Amino acid sequence: MEERFFAALITCFFISFGVLIGGSLFGSLSAYITGQPPISEMMVSAQRLRIWAIVAAIGGTFDAISNFERGIFDGSTMDLFKQIMLIISAMGGVKAGVLIISWVTQGDV
């Protein structure tokens, strides 16, 4: 595996992590401004942002589908493996973000 791929894995992890944490924090800030409970809104925002954090981390859905197609139909299994690893890395970032949000809010997300 090449060195750029490992950099992409780390980048994918932290992009999904940042989208989830940042979106939850700003969602709770907007709830505070509008007079709603910010802690529960932070938990709800984290729940809603999971899939969007993964999509943002892998760079949109069209590239992922294109890489899967190339891996399956053109026999390029390395592209398919790399795309699966990027998605797993993004899911790890989301899971780490959800754990931090649940620790901060003292509740289950």
Protein backbone atom coordinates (compact mmCIF):
# COMPACT_ATOMS: atom_id res chain seq x y z
CA MET A 1 0.00 0.00 0.00
CA GLU A 2 1.21 3.44 -0.71
CA GLU A 3 1.84 6.19 1.78
CA ARG A 4 -0.85 8.52 0.37
CA PHE A 5 -3.50 5.92 1.11
CA PHE A 6 -2.65 5.91 4.82
CA ALA A 7 -2.80 9.70 4.80
CA ALA A 8 -6.23 9.44 3.18
CA LEU A 9 -7.37 7.02 5.90
CA ILE A 10 -6.32 9.43 8.64
CA THR A 11 -7.88 12.37 6.82
CA CYS A 12 -11.13 10.47 6.34
CA PHE A 13 -11.26 9.61 10.05
CA PHE A 14 -10.77 13.18 11.20
CA ILE A 15 -13.12 14.73 8.63
CA SER A 16 -16.00 12.54 9.80
CA PHE A 17 -15.02 13.15 13.42
CA GLY A 18 -14.95 16.92 12.88
CA VAL A 19 -18.26 17.01 11.01
CA LEU A 20 -20.00 15.14 13.80
CA ILE A 21 -18.46 17.09 16.70
CA GLY A 22 -18.76 20.48 15.02
CA GLY A 23 -22.29 19.90 13.82
CA SER A 24 -23.40 18.74 17.25
CA LEU A 25 -21.79 21.69 19.00
CA PHE A 26 -23.28 24.25 16.65
CA GLY A 27 -26.64 22.48 16.82
CA SER A 28 -26.61 22.78 20.59
CA LEU A 29 -25.61 26.44 20.31
CA SER A 30 -28.58 27.12 18.05
CA ALA A 31 -30.85 25.30 20.50
CA TYR A 32 -29.52 27.49 23.34
CA ILE A 33 -30.16 30.65 21.33
CA THR A 34 -33.74 29.59 20.53
CA GLY A 35 -34.51 28.58 24.13
CA GLN A 36 -34.52 24.80 23.69
CA PRO A 37 -32.47 22.36 25.80
CA PRO A 38 -28.94 22.33 24.31
CA ILE A 39 -27.76 19.01 25.77
CA SER A 40 -30.61 16.98 24.35
CA GLU A 41 -30.26 18.81 21.03
CA MET A 42 -26.57 17.88 20.98
CA MET A 43 -27.50 14.23 21.35
CA VAL A 44 -30.18 14.43 18.65
CA SER A 45 -27.84 16.29 16.29
CA ALA A 46 -25.15 13.65 16.71
CA GLN A 47 -27.70 10.97 15.88
CA ARG A 48 -28.82 12.78 12.72
CA LEU A 49 -25.35 13.67 11.49
CA ARG A 50 -23.87 10.16 11.46
CA ILE A 51 -24.49 9.30 7.81
CA TRP A 52 -23.70 12.82 6.61
CA ALA A 53 -20.34 12.74 8.35
CA ILE A 54 -19.46 9.51 6.54
CA VAL A 55 -20.59 10.90 3.18
CA ALA A 56 -18.61 14.10 3.72
CA ALA A 57 -15.50 12.14 4.68
CA ILE A 58 -15.47 9.88 1.62
CA GLY A 59 -16.00 12.85 -0.67
CA GLY A 60 -19.55 12.33 -1.82
CA THR A 61 -21.43 9.30 -2.99
CA PHE A 62 -20.64 9.44 -6.71
CA ASP A 63 -16.92 8.77 -6.26
CA ALA A 64 -17.61 5.87 -3.94
CA ILE A 65 -20.06 4.30 -6.39
CA SER A 66 -17.59 4.82 -9.23
CA ASN A 67 -14.83 3.09 -7.29
CA PHE A 68 -17.11 0.19 -6.38
CA GLU A 69 -18.12 -0.17 -10.02
CA ARG A 70 -14.50 -0.18 -11.14
CA GLY A 71 -13.64 -2.74 -8.47
CA ILE A 72 -16.47 -5.10 -9.33
CA PHE A 73 -16.78 -4.85 -13.11
CA ASP A 74 -13.21 -4.06 -14.15
CA GLY A 75 -11.63 -6.51 -11.72
CA SER A 76 -9.72 -3.84 -9.84
CA THR A 77 -10.00 -5.36 -6.40
CA MET A 78 -7.42 -2.99 -4.93
CA ASP A 79 -9.68 0.03 -5.63
CA LEU A 80 -12.58 -1.81 -4.05
CA PHE A 81 -10.50 -2.66 -0.97
CA LYS A 82 -9.27 0.93 -0.63
CA GLN A 83 -12.80 2.31 -0.84
CA ILE A 84 -14.04 -0.12 1.79
CA MET A 85 -11.16 0.84 4.07
CA LEU A 86 -11.95 4.55 3.62
CA ILE A 87 -15.57 3.93 4.58
CA ILE A 88 -14.50 1.95 7.65
CA SER A 89 -12.13 4.75 8.62
CA ALA A 90 -14.96 7.29 8.31
CA MET A 91 -17.20 5.06 10.42
CA GLY A 92 -14.48 4.94 13.06
CA GLY A 93 -14.37 8.73 13.14
CA VAL A 94 -18.13 8.87 13.56
CA LYS A 95 -18.01 6.31 16.37
CA ALA A 96 -15.27 8.26 18.17
CA GLY A 97 -17.31 11.46 17.82
CA VAL A 98 -20.46 9.79 19.13
CA LEU A 99 -18.53 8.45 22.12
CA ILE A 100 -17.23 11.90 22.98
CA ILE A 101 -20.70 13.44 22.61
CA SER A 102 -22.18 10.74 24.84
CA TRP A 103 -19.45 11.37 27.44
CA VAL A 104 -20.08 15.11 27.38
CA THR A 105 -23.85 14.78 27.62
CA GLN A 106 -23.75 11.89 30.12
CA GLY A 107 -26.28 9.98 28.07
CA ASP A 108 -26.78 7.50 25.31
CA VAL A 109 -26.93 8.75 21.76
